[in-house]
Amino acid sequence: MKNKKIICHDIHNNKTEVDSSQLIFRPSIYGILIENNKILLSKQWDGYDFPGGKIDIHETIEETLKREFYEETGVKIELIKPIHCETSFFNPNYSAKRIGEYCNCPLIYFSVKKIGGNLSKDNISKEEQDYIDAPEWINLNEIDSIKFYNSVDSIKVIKKALR
């Protein structure tokens, strides 16, 4: 629909109405790694997100998640199964490079298993170094009390992964 108005949110859930013609299509994929009653999360600002990110035009879903997960955590993974999908209309204004961008982001979440690597932040991109820190294993019984920087119901996604 031409000239449809879309409400986009930023990381603080501030909302901006934009014309649909301004949207960039940005599919993204994230991994849920749970071991020993803990989940591996990407430390971002004063909160967390699931490791993952944008699917590049030349990549498959599997290639993207393996690359993004390794970049943000140092851990090599294998995809198990998809557990959740939804759409987010997002304004990535946390980055000076992204001011004025508005995205239609299909979000895909997979359960994954570790096949190698060690926790590290050495492979984080230059742009992401401004807000991503070393990954952390978080006890599942603490999940309700942490801050997530994403638009999904993170607790619901984690519960789906545990099934």
N, C-alpha and C. Protein backbone atom coordinates (compact mmCIF):
# COMPACT_ATOMS: atom_id res chain seq x y z
N MET A 1 0.85 -1.18 0.00
CA MET A 1 0.00 0.00 0.00
C MET A 1 0.89 1.23 0.00
N LYS A 2 0.74 2.05 -1.00
CA LYS A 2 1.55 3.26 -1.14
C LYS A 2 1.13 4.31 -0.11
N ASN A 3 2.12 4.99 0.46
CA ASN A 3 1.91 6.07 1.42
C ASN A 3 1.21 5.64 2.71
N LYS A 4 1.34 4.40 3.05
CA LYS A 4 0.81 3.92 4.33
C LYS A 4 1.72 4.45 5.44
N LYS A 5 1.14 4.84 6.54
CA LYS A 5 1.91 5.31 7.69
C LYS A 5 2.21 4.13 8.60
N ILE A 6 3.46 4.05 9.03
CA ILE A 6 3.95 2.96 9.88
C ILE A 6 4.52 3.57 11.15
N ILE A 7 4.26 2.94 12.28
CA ILE A 7 4.86 3.37 13.55
C ILE A 7 6.12 2.53 13.78
N CYS A 8 7.26 3.20 13.85
CA CYS A 8 8.54 2.56 14.13
C CYS A 8 8.95 2.89 15.56
N HIS A 9 9.63 1.95 16.20
CA HIS A 9 10.12 2.17 17.57
C HIS A 9 11.64 2.15 17.56
N ASP A 10 12.23 2.77 18.58
CA ASP A 10 13.68 2.68 18.75
C ASP A 10 13.97 1.77 19.96
N ILE A 11 15.24 1.70 20.38
CA ILE A 11 15.60 0.78 21.47
C ILE A 11 14.97 1.16 22.80
N HIS A 12 14.52 2.40 22.94
CA HIS A 12 13.87 2.85 24.17
C HIS A 12 12.34 2.84 24.04
N ASN A 13 11.86 2.26 22.95
CA ASN A 13 10.44 2.16 22.62
C ASN A 13 9.79 3.52 22.33
N ASN A 14 10.62 4.52 21.98
CA ASN A 14 10.07 5.78 21.49
C ASN A 14 9.53 5.50 20.10
N LYS A 15 8.38 6.08 19.79
CA LYS A 15 7.72 5.78 18.52
C LYS A 15 7.74 6.98 17.57
N THR A 16 7.92 6.67 16.28
CA THR A 16 7.93 7.67 15.23
C THR A 16 7.06 7.18 14.09
N GLU A 17 6.17 8.03 13.59
CA GLU A 17 5.36 7.66 12.44
C GLU A 17 6.12 8.03 11.17
N VAL A 18 6.24 7.07 10.24
CA VAL A 18 6.94 7.32 8.99
C VAL A 18 6.10 6.79 7.83
N ASP A 19 6.37 7.32 6.67
CA ASP A 19 5.73 6.83 5.46
C ASP A 19 6.37 5.50 5.08
N SER A 20 5.56 4.55 4.65
CA SER A 20 6.07 3.21 4.32
C SER A 20 7.14 3.25 3.23
N SER A 21 7.15 4.29 2.40
CA SER A 21 8.16 4.40 1.34
C SER A 21 9.56 4.64 1.92
N GLN A 22 9.66 5.03 3.19
CA GLN A 22 10.95 5.27 3.83
C GLN A 22 11.58 3.99 4.40
N LEU A 23 10.82 2.90 4.45
CA LEU A 23 11.31 1.68 5.09
C LEU A 23 12.37 0.95 4.28
N ILE A 24 13.35 0.43 4.99
CA ILE A 24 14.37 -0.45 4.42
C ILE A 24 14.02 -1.86 4.88
N PHE A 25 14.11 -2.84 3.99
CA PHE A 25 13.83 -4.22 4.36
C PHE A 25 15.09 -4.81 4.98
N ARG A 26 15.00 -5.27 6.24
CA ARG A 26 16.17 -5.73 6.98
C ARG A 26 15.84 -7.00 7.77
N PRO A 27 15.75 -8.15 7.10
CA PRO A 27 15.50 -9.40 7.85
C PRO A 27 16.67 -9.71 8.77
N SER A 28 16.36 -10.22 9.95
CA SER A 28 17.39 -10.52 10.95
C SER A 28 17.11 -11.87 11.59
N ILE A 29 18.19 -12.49 12.08
CA ILE A 29 18.08 -13.81 12.69
C ILE A 29 18.88 -13.84 13.99
N TYR A 30 18.33 -14.56 14.99
CA TYR A 30 18.93 -14.60 16.32
C TYR A 30 18.96 -16.03 16.84
N GLY A 31 19.95 -16.32 17.69
CA GLY A 31 20.10 -17.66 18.24
C GLY A 31 19.86 -17.70 19.73
N ILE A 32 19.23 -18.80 20.16
CA ILE A 32 18.96 -19.04 21.58
C ILE A 32 19.79 -20.25 21.99
N LEU A 33 20.84 -20.01 22.77
CA LEU A 33 21.72 -21.08 23.25
C LEU A 33 21.52 -21.24 24.75
N ILE A 34 20.99 -22.40 25.14
CA ILE A 34 20.73 -22.70 26.55
C ILE A 34 21.52 -23.95 26.92
N GLU A 35 22.31 -23.83 27.99
CA GLU A 35 23.09 -24.95 28.53
C GLU A 35 23.10 -24.85 30.05
N ASN A 36 22.92 -25.97 30.71
CA ASN A 36 23.03 -26.03 32.18
C ASN A 36 22.20 -24.96 32.89
N ASN A 37 20.96 -24.79 32.44
CA ASN A 37 20.04 -23.83 33.05
C ASN A 37 20.51 -22.37 32.93
N LYS A 38 21.34 -22.10 31.89
CA LYS A 38 21.80 -20.74 31.60
C LYS A 38 21.61 -20.46 30.12
N ILE A 39 21.44 -19.17 29.79
CA ILE A 39 21.30 -18.74 28.41
C ILE A 39 22.44 -17.78 28.09
N LEU A 40 23.01 -17.92 26.89
CA LEU A 40 24.09 -17.03 26.47
C LEU A 40 23.47 -15.81 25.78
N LEU A 41 23.77 -14.63 26.32
CA LEU A 41 23.21 -13.39 25.78
C LEU A 41 24.33 -12.42 25.41
N SER A 42 24.02 -11.57 24.46
CA SER A 42 24.90 -10.50 24.04
C SER A 42 24.67 -9.31 24.97
N LYS A 43 25.72 -8.84 25.63
CA LYS A 43 25.63 -7.69 26.53
C LYS A 43 25.59 -6.42 25.68
N GLN A 44 24.52 -5.64 25.82
CA GLN A 44 24.38 -4.41 25.04
C GLN A 44 23.93 -3.28 25.95
N TRP A 45 24.69 -2.19 25.94
CA TRP A 45 24.46 -1.07 26.84
C TRP A 45 24.32 -1.59 28.27
N ASP A 46 23.20 -1.27 28.91
CA ASP A 46 22.98 -1.73 30.29
C ASP A 46 22.00 -2.90 30.31
N GLY A 47 21.90 -3.63 29.20
CA GLY A 47 20.98 -4.76 29.12
C GLY A 47 21.53 -5.84 28.21
N TYR A 48 20.61 -6.59 27.60
CA TYR A 48 21.00 -7.77 26.82
C TYR A 48 20.12 -7.93 25.60
N ASP A 49 20.62 -8.72 24.66
CA ASP A 49 19.84 -9.17 23.52
C ASP A 49 20.33 -10.56 23.14
N PHE A 50 19.58 -11.22 22.30
CA PHE A 50 20.01 -12.51 21.79
C PHE A 50 21.09 -12.27 20.73
N PRO A 51 22.12 -13.10 20.67
CA PRO A 51 23.14 -12.93 19.63
C PRO A 51 22.51 -13.13 18.25
N GLY A 52 22.87 -12.27 17.32
CA GLY A 52 22.37 -12.38 15.96
C GLY A 52 22.34 -11.03 15.29
N GLY A 53 21.70 -10.97 14.12
CA GLY A 53 21.62 -9.71 13.42
C GLY A 53 21.15 -9.84 11.99
N LYS A 54 21.47 -8.82 11.21
CA LYS A 54 20.99 -8.65 9.84
C LYS A 54 21.50 -9.74 8.90
N ILE A 55 20.57 -10.22 8.06
CA ILE A 55 20.93 -11.16 7.01
C ILE A 55 21.42 -10.35 5.81
N ASP A 56 22.68 -10.55 5.42
CA ASP A 56 23.21 -9.87 4.25
C ASP A 56 22.63 -10.50 2.98
N ILE A 57 22.51 -9.73 1.93
CA ILE A 57 21.84 -10.16 0.71
C ILE A 57 22.45 -11.43 0.11
N HIS A 58 23.73 -11.66 0.31
CA HIS A 58 24.41 -12.82 -0.27
C HIS A 58 24.43 -14.03 0.66
N GLU A 59 23.83 -13.92 1.85
CA GLU A 59 23.91 -14.98 2.85
C GLU A 59 22.62 -15.78 2.97
N THR A 60 22.80 -17.04 3.38
CA THR A 60 21.64 -17.85 3.78
C THR A 60 21.35 -17.54 5.25
N ILE A 61 20.20 -18.00 5.72
CA ILE A 61 19.85 -17.86 7.13
C ILE A 61 20.91 -18.51 8.00
N GLU A 62 21.30 -19.73 7.65
CA GLU A 62 22.28 -20.47 8.43
C GLU A 62 23.64 -19.76 8.46
N GLU A 63 24.10 -19.29 7.32
CA GLU A 63 25.38 -18.57 7.27
C GLU A 63 25.35 -17.33 8.15
N THR A 64 24.25 -16.59 8.07
CA THR A 64 24.13 -15.37 8.86
C THR A 64 24.18 -15.65 10.34
N LEU A 65 23.39 -16.62 10.80
CA LEU A 65 23.34 -16.86 12.24
C LEU A 65 24.68 -17.37 12.75
N LYS A 66 25.32 -18.24 12.01
CA LYS A 66 26.65 -18.72 12.43
C LYS A 66 27.63 -17.56 12.51
N ARG A 67 27.63 -16.67 11.50
CA ARG A 67 28.54 -15.52 11.49
C ARG A 67 28.23 -14.56 12.63
N GLU A 68 26.98 -14.15 12.75
CA GLU A 68 26.59 -13.17 13.76
C GLU A 68 26.82 -13.71 15.18
N PHE A 69 26.46 -14.95 15.40
CA PHE A 69 26.62 -15.54 16.73
C PHE A 69 28.11 -15.57 17.11
N TYR A 70 28.95 -15.97 16.17
CA TYR A 70 30.40 -16.02 16.42
C TYR A 70 30.95 -14.61 16.66
N GLU A 71 30.54 -13.64 15.84
CA GLU A 71 31.03 -12.27 16.01
C GLU A 71 30.70 -11.73 17.39
N GLU A 72 29.49 -11.98 17.87
CA GLU A 72 29.05 -11.39 19.13
C GLU A 72 29.42 -12.19 20.37
N THR A 73 29.78 -13.48 20.19
CA THR A 73 30.03 -14.31 21.38
C THR A 73 31.35 -15.08 21.35
N GLY A 74 31.92 -15.32 20.17
CA GLY A 74 33.09 -16.18 20.04
C GLY A 74 32.74 -17.66 19.98
N VAL A 75 31.45 -17.97 20.03
CA VAL A 75 30.98 -19.36 20.06
C VAL A 75 30.52 -19.78 18.66
N LYS A 76 30.95 -20.96 18.25
CA LYS A 76 30.49 -21.55 16.99
C LYS A 76 29.27 -22.42 17.29
N ILE A 77 28.26 -22.29 16.42
CA ILE A 77 26.98 -22.96 16.69
C ILE A 77 26.49 -23.75 15.49
N GLU A 78 25.51 -24.59 15.78
CA GLU A 78 24.75 -25.31 14.76
C GLU A 78 23.28 -24.97 15.02
N LEU A 79 22.54 -24.70 13.95
CA LEU A 79 21.12 -24.39 14.09
C LEU A 79 20.34 -25.67 14.35
N ILE A 80 19.41 -25.61 15.30
CA ILE A 80 18.58 -26.76 15.64
C ILE A 80 17.22 -26.63 14.96
N LYS A 81 16.44 -25.62 15.37
CA LYS A 81 15.11 -25.45 14.77
C LYS A 81 14.63 -24.03 15.00
N PRO A 82 13.76 -23.54 14.09
CA PRO A 82 13.16 -22.22 14.31
C PRO A 82 12.18 -22.30 15.47
N ILE A 83 12.16 -21.24 16.30
CA ILE A 83 11.25 -21.25 17.45
C ILE A 83 10.30 -20.06 17.49
N HIS A 84 10.62 -18.99 16.75
CA HIS A 84 9.75 -17.82 16.82
C HIS A 84 10.04 -16.90 15.63
N CYS A 85 8.99 -16.28 15.10
CA CYS A 85 9.11 -15.27 14.04
C CYS A 85 8.12 -14.15 14.31
N GLU A 86 8.52 -12.94 14.04
CA GLU A 86 7.60 -11.80 14.06
C GLU A 86 8.24 -10.64 13.33
N THR A 87 7.48 -9.57 13.14
CA THR A 87 7.97 -8.39 12.44
C THR A 87 8.12 -7.23 13.42
N SER A 88 9.18 -6.46 13.22
CA SER A 88 9.41 -5.26 14.00
C SER A 88 9.66 -4.10 13.03
N PHE A 89 8.98 -2.99 13.24
CA PHE A 89 9.28 -1.77 12.49
C PHE A 89 10.18 -0.94 13.40
N PHE A 90 11.43 -0.77 12.98
CA PHE A 90 12.47 -0.32 13.89
C PHE A 90 13.22 0.90 13.36
N ASN A 91 13.60 1.77 14.28
CA ASN A 91 14.39 2.95 14.00
C ASN A 91 15.73 2.79 14.71
N PRO A 92 16.80 2.42 13.99
CA PRO A 92 18.10 2.18 14.64
C PRO A 92 18.88 3.46 14.92
N ASN A 93 18.26 4.39 15.61
CA ASN A 93 18.88 5.70 15.86
C ASN A 93 19.96 5.68 16.93
N TYR A 94 20.27 4.49 17.48
CA TYR A 94 21.35 4.38 18.47
C TYR A 94 22.71 4.57 17.83
N SER A 95 22.77 4.48 16.51
CA SER A 95 24.02 4.61 15.78
C SER A 95 23.97 5.87 14.92
N ALA A 96 24.99 6.71 15.03
CA ALA A 96 25.04 7.93 14.22
C ALA A 96 24.95 7.59 12.74
N LYS A 97 25.49 6.44 12.37
CA LYS A 97 25.46 5.99 10.97
C LYS A 97 24.03 5.67 10.51
N ARG A 98 23.13 5.40 11.45
CA ARG A 98 21.78 4.93 11.10
C ARG A 98 20.68 5.96 11.38
N ILE A 99 21.04 7.18 11.78
CA ILE A 99 20.03 8.22 12.02
C ILE A 99 19.21 8.42 10.75
N GLY A 100 17.90 8.47 10.90
CA GLY A 100 17.02 8.68 9.76
C GLY A 100 16.64 7.41 9.02
N GLU A 101 17.15 6.25 9.45
CA GLU A 101 16.75 4.98 8.86
C GLU A 101 15.54 4.42 9.59
N TYR A 102 14.69 3.76 8.85
CA TYR A 102 13.53 3.08 9.41
C TYR A 102 13.44 1.72 8.71
N CYS A 103 13.26 0.67 9.48
CA CYS A 103 13.38 -0.68 8.94
C CYS A 103 12.14 -1.52 9.18
N ASN A 104 11.81 -2.32 8.18
CA ASN A 104 10.86 -3.41 8.32
C ASN A 104 11.73 -4.64 8.59
N CYS A 105 11.70 -5.14 9.83
CA CYS A 105 12.59 -6.22 10.24
C CYS A 105 11.82 -7.50 10.55
N PRO A 106 11.76 -8.44 9.59
CA PRO A 106 11.29 -9.76 9.98
C PRO A 106 12.35 -10.36 10.92
N LEU A 107 11.92 -10.83 12.07
CA LEU A 107 12.83 -11.38 13.09
C LEU A 107 12.62 -12.89 13.19
N ILE A 108 13.69 -13.64 13.06
CA ILE A 108 13.63 -15.10 13.11
C ILE A 108 14.53 -15.57 14.25
N TYR A 109 13.99 -16.43 15.11
CA TYR A 109 14.73 -16.94 16.26
C TYR A 109 14.86 -18.46 16.14
N PHE A 110 16.10 -18.94 16.30
CA PHE A 110 16.41 -20.37 16.24
C PHE A 110 16.99 -20.84 17.55
N SER A 111 16.64 -22.05 17.96
CA SER A 111 17.41 -22.68 19.02
C SER A 111 18.69 -23.20 18.36
N VAL A 112 19.78 -23.10 19.09
CA VAL A 112 21.09 -23.49 18.56
C VAL A 112 21.83 -24.32 19.59
N LYS A 113 22.87 -25.03 19.13
CA LYS A 113 23.74 -25.72 20.07
C LYS A 113 25.18 -25.35 19.79
N LYS A 114 25.97 -25.33 20.84
CA LYS A 114 27.38 -24.97 20.73
C LYS A 114 28.15 -26.15 20.14
N ILE A 115 29.04 -25.83 19.16
CA ILE A 115 29.90 -26.87 18.60
C ILE A 115 31.38 -26.52 18.74
N GLY A 116 31.68 -25.32 19.29
CA GLY A 116 33.07 -24.93 19.48
C GLY A 116 33.20 -23.49 19.89
N GLY A 117 34.45 -23.04 20.01
CA GLY A 117 34.74 -21.65 20.33
C GLY A 117 34.74 -21.37 21.82
N ASN A 118 35.16 -20.17 22.16
CA ASN A 118 35.21 -19.69 23.54
C ASN A 118 34.64 -18.28 23.60
N LEU A 119 34.04 -17.93 24.73
CA LEU A 119 33.46 -16.59 24.88
C LEU A 119 34.51 -15.52 24.57
N SER A 120 34.10 -14.58 23.72
CA SER A 120 35.01 -13.51 23.31
C SER A 120 34.21 -12.36 22.73
N LYS A 121 34.78 -11.17 22.81
CA LYS A 121 34.20 -10.02 22.12
C LYS A 121 35.16 -9.50 21.05
N ASP A 122 36.15 -10.31 20.72
CA ASP A 122 37.19 -9.91 19.77
C ASP A 122 36.71 -9.76 18.33
N ASN A 123 35.56 -10.31 17.98
CA ASN A 123 35.10 -10.29 16.59
C ASN A 123 33.94 -9.34 16.35
N ILE A 124 33.64 -8.50 17.34
CA ILE A 124 32.54 -7.55 17.21
C ILE A 124 32.93 -6.47 16.21
N SER A 125 31.99 -6.11 15.33
CA SER A 125 32.29 -5.10 14.30
C SER A 125 32.60 -3.74 14.94
N LYS A 126 33.30 -2.91 14.19
CA LYS A 126 33.69 -1.59 14.69
C LYS A 126 32.46 -0.79 15.14
N GLU A 127 31.39 -0.79 14.35
CA GLU A 127 30.17 -0.05 14.71
C GLU A 127 29.55 -0.61 15.99
N GLU A 128 29.53 -1.94 16.13
CA GLU A 128 28.90 -2.56 17.30
C GLU A 128 29.73 -2.40 18.57
N GLN A 129 31.02 -2.11 18.44
CA GLN A 129 31.88 -1.92 19.62
C GLN A 129 31.42 -0.76 20.48
N ASP A 130 30.62 0.14 19.91
CA ASP A 130 30.11 1.28 20.68
C ASP A 130 29.07 0.86 21.72
N TYR A 131 28.44 -0.31 21.53
CA TYR A 131 27.37 -0.68 22.46
C TYR A 131 27.36 -2.16 22.88
N ILE A 132 28.14 -3.00 22.23
CA ILE A 132 28.18 -4.42 22.61
C ILE A 132 29.42 -4.70 23.45
N ASP A 133 29.23 -5.45 24.53
CA ASP A 133 30.34 -5.85 25.39
C ASP A 133 30.44 -7.38 25.37
N ALA A 134 31.27 -7.94 26.22
CA ALA A 134 31.48 -9.39 26.26
C ALA A 134 30.15 -10.11 26.54
N PRO A 135 29.93 -11.24 25.88
CA PRO A 135 28.71 -12.02 26.11
C PRO A 135 28.70 -12.58 27.53
N GLU A 136 27.51 -12.90 28.02
CA GLU A 136 27.39 -13.43 29.38
C GLU A 136 26.42 -14.59 29.43
N TRP A 137 26.76 -15.58 30.27
CA TRP A 137 25.82 -16.66 30.59
C TRP A 137 24.95 -16.16 31.73
N ILE A 138 23.64 -16.17 31.54
CA ILE A 138 22.69 -15.69 32.54
C ILE A 138 21.84 -16.87 33.01
N ASN A 139 21.73 -17.01 34.34
CA ASN A 139 20.87 -18.06 34.89
C ASN A 139 19.43 -17.83 34.45
N LEU A 140 18.77 -18.90 34.04
CA LEU A 140 17.38 -18.77 33.58
C LEU A 140 16.46 -18.25 34.67
N ASN A 141 16.78 -18.52 35.95
CA ASN A 141 15.93 -18.02 37.03
C ASN A 141 16.10 -16.51 37.25
N GLU A 142 17.04 -15.86 36.55
CA GLU A 142 17.24 -14.41 36.65
C GLU A 142 16.67 -13.65 35.45
N ILE A 143 16.17 -14.37 34.47
CA ILE A 143 15.72 -13.78 33.21
C ILE A 143 14.63 -12.72 33.40
N ASP A 144 13.72 -12.93 34.35
CA ASP A 144 12.63 -11.97 34.56
C ASP A 144 13.12 -10.61 35.05
N SER A 145 14.33 -10.55 35.58
CA SER A 145 14.79 -9.30 36.19
C SER A 145 15.81 -8.54 35.33
N ILE A 146 16.10 -9.03 34.12
CA ILE A 146 17.09 -8.31 33.31
C ILE A 146 16.40 -7.48 32.23
N LYS A 147 17.12 -6.49 31.74
CA LYS A 147 16.62 -5.60 30.71
C LYS A 147 17.03 -6.14 29.35
N PHE A 148 16.05 -6.27 28.45
CA PHE A 148 16.32 -6.71 27.08
C PHE A 148 16.18 -5.53 26.14
N TYR A 149 17.10 -5.45 25.17
CA TYR A 149 17.02 -4.45 24.11
C TYR A 149 16.56 -5.14 22.83
N ASN A 150 15.29 -5.42 22.74
CA ASN A 150 14.68 -5.94 21.52
C ASN A 150 13.17 -5.72 21.62
N SER A 151 12.49 -5.99 20.52
CA SER A 151 11.06 -5.70 20.49
C SER A 151 10.18 -6.91 20.76
N VAL A 152 10.79 -8.07 20.95
CA VAL A 152 9.99 -9.28 21.18
C VAL A 152 9.76 -9.48 22.67
N ASP A 153 8.84 -10.36 22.99
CA ASP A 153 8.65 -10.79 24.37
C ASP A 153 9.74 -11.84 24.62
N SER A 154 10.88 -11.39 25.12
CA SER A 154 12.06 -12.25 25.27
C SER A 154 11.80 -13.46 26.16
N ILE A 155 11.03 -13.27 27.22
CA ILE A 155 10.72 -14.37 28.13
C ILE A 155 9.93 -15.44 27.37
N LYS A 156 8.97 -15.02 26.57
CA LYS A 156 8.17 -15.95 25.77
C LYS A 156 9.06 -16.73 24.79
N VAL A 157 9.99 -16.05 24.13
CA VAL A 157 10.89 -16.71 23.19
C VAL A 157 11.77 -17.73 23.90
N ILE A 158 12.26 -17.38 25.07
CA ILE A 158 13.09 -18.31 25.85
C ILE A 158 12.28 -19.53 26.27
N LYS A 159 11.05 -19.31 26.71
CA LYS A 159 10.19 -20.43 27.10
C LYS A 159 9.91 -21.36 25.93
N LYS A 160 9.72 -20.77 24.74
CA LYS A 160 9.54 -21.60 23.53
C LYS A 160 10.78 -22.46 23.26
N ALA A 161 11.94 -21.87 23.46
CA ALA A 161 13.20 -22.61 23.23
C ALA A 161 13.37 -23.75 24.22
N LEU A 162 12.82 -23.60 25.41
CA LEU A 162 12.95 -24.63 26.43
C LEU A 162 12.02 -25.83 26.20
N ARG A 163 11.01 -25.68 25.37
CA ARG A 163 10.08 -26.77 25.11
C ARG A 163 10.71 -27.90 24.35
